[in-house]
């Protein structure tokens, strides 16, 4: 399986979005 740069960037972007969302939820609920 060949992972292209674009695919790698998309994976990172999705992972960061999930992490950012989880942090926001934790902060929101205190």
N, C-alpha and C. Protein backbone atom coordinates (compact mmCIF):
# COMPACT_ATOMS: atom_id res chain seq x y z
N UNK A 1 0.85 -1.20 0.00
CA UNK A 1 0.00 0.00 0.00
C UNK A 1 0.88 1.24 0.00
N UNK A 2 0.61 2.12 -0.94
CA UNK A 2 1.38 3.35 -1.04
C UNK A 2 0.56 4.50 -0.47
N UNK A 3 1.12 5.18 0.52
CA UNK A 3 0.43 6.33 1.11
C UNK A 3 1.00 7.60 0.48
N UNK A 4 0.15 8.32 -0.22
CA UNK A 4 0.61 9.55 -0.87
C UNK A 4 0.66 10.68 0.15
N UNK A 5 1.34 11.75 -0.22
CA UNK A 5 1.44 12.90 0.68
C UNK A 5 0.06 13.48 0.96
N UNK A 6 -0.78 13.54 -0.07
CA UNK A 6 -2.12 14.09 0.10
C UNK A 6 -2.92 13.25 1.09
N UNK A 7 -2.82 11.92 0.96
CA UNK A 7 -3.55 11.03 1.86
C UNK A 7 -3.03 11.18 3.29
N UNK A 8 -1.72 11.27 3.44
CA UNK A 8 -1.13 11.43 4.76
C UNK A 8 -1.60 12.74 5.38
N UNK A 9 -1.64 13.80 4.59
CA UNK A 9 -2.10 15.10 5.10
C UNK A 9 -3.56 15.04 5.52
N UNK A 10 -4.37 14.30 4.77
CA UNK A 10 -5.79 14.18 5.11
C UNK A 10 -5.95 13.42 6.42
N UNK A 11 -5.17 12.36 6.59
CA UNK A 11 -5.23 11.57 7.83
C UNK A 11 -4.85 12.44 9.02
N UNK A 12 -3.78 13.20 8.87
CA UNK A 12 -3.33 14.09 9.95
C UNK A 12 -4.40 15.14 10.25
N UNK A 13 -4.98 15.71 9.20
CA UNK A 13 -6.00 16.74 9.39
C UNK A 13 -7.20 16.17 10.14
N UNK A 14 -7.63 14.97 9.76
CA UNK A 14 -8.77 14.34 10.44
C UNK A 14 -8.42 14.04 11.90
N UNK A 15 -7.23 13.53 12.14
CA UNK A 15 -6.80 13.20 13.50
C UNK A 15 -6.76 14.45 14.36
N UNK A 16 -6.21 15.53 13.83
CA UNK A 16 -6.12 16.78 14.58
C UNK A 16 -7.51 17.34 14.86
N UNK A 17 -8.42 17.21 13.90
CA UNK A 17 -9.79 17.70 14.09
C UNK A 17 -10.47 16.92 15.21
N UNK A 18 -10.26 15.60 15.24
CA UNK A 18 -10.85 14.76 16.29
C UNK A 18 -10.27 15.13 17.65
N UNK A 19 -8.94 15.28 17.71
CA UNK A 19 -8.29 15.64 18.97
C UNK A 19 -8.78 17.01 19.43
N UNK A 20 -8.85 17.97 18.51
CA UNK A 20 -9.30 19.32 18.84
C UNK A 20 -10.73 19.29 19.35
N UNK A 21 -11.58 18.47 18.72
CA UNK A 21 -12.97 18.36 19.14
C UNK A 21 -13.05 17.78 20.55
N UNK A 22 -12.26 16.74 20.82
CA UNK A 22 -12.27 16.10 22.13
C UNK A 22 -11.81 17.08 23.20
N UNK A 23 -10.80 17.88 22.90
CA UNK A 23 -10.30 18.88 23.86
C UNK A 23 -11.39 19.90 24.13
N UNK A 24 -12.09 20.34 23.09
CA UNK A 24 -13.17 21.31 23.26
C UNK A 24 -14.28 20.74 24.14
N UNK A 25 -14.62 19.48 23.95
CA UNK A 25 -15.68 18.85 24.74
C UNK A 25 -15.25 18.78 26.20
N UNK A 26 -14.01 18.39 26.44
CA UNK A 26 -13.49 18.30 27.81
C UNK A 26 -13.52 19.69 28.46
N UNK A 27 -13.06 20.71 27.72
CA UNK A 27 -13.05 22.07 28.27
C UNK A 27 -14.48 22.55 28.53
N UNK A 28 -15.38 22.21 27.63
CA UNK A 28 -16.76 22.68 27.74
C UNK A 28 -17.42 22.09 28.99
N UNK A 29 -17.15 20.83 29.25
CA UNK A 29 -17.78 20.17 30.40
C UNK A 29 -16.98 20.37 31.68
N UNK A 30 -15.83 21.01 31.55
CA UNK A 30 -15.04 21.36 32.70
C UNK A 30 -14.45 20.19 33.43
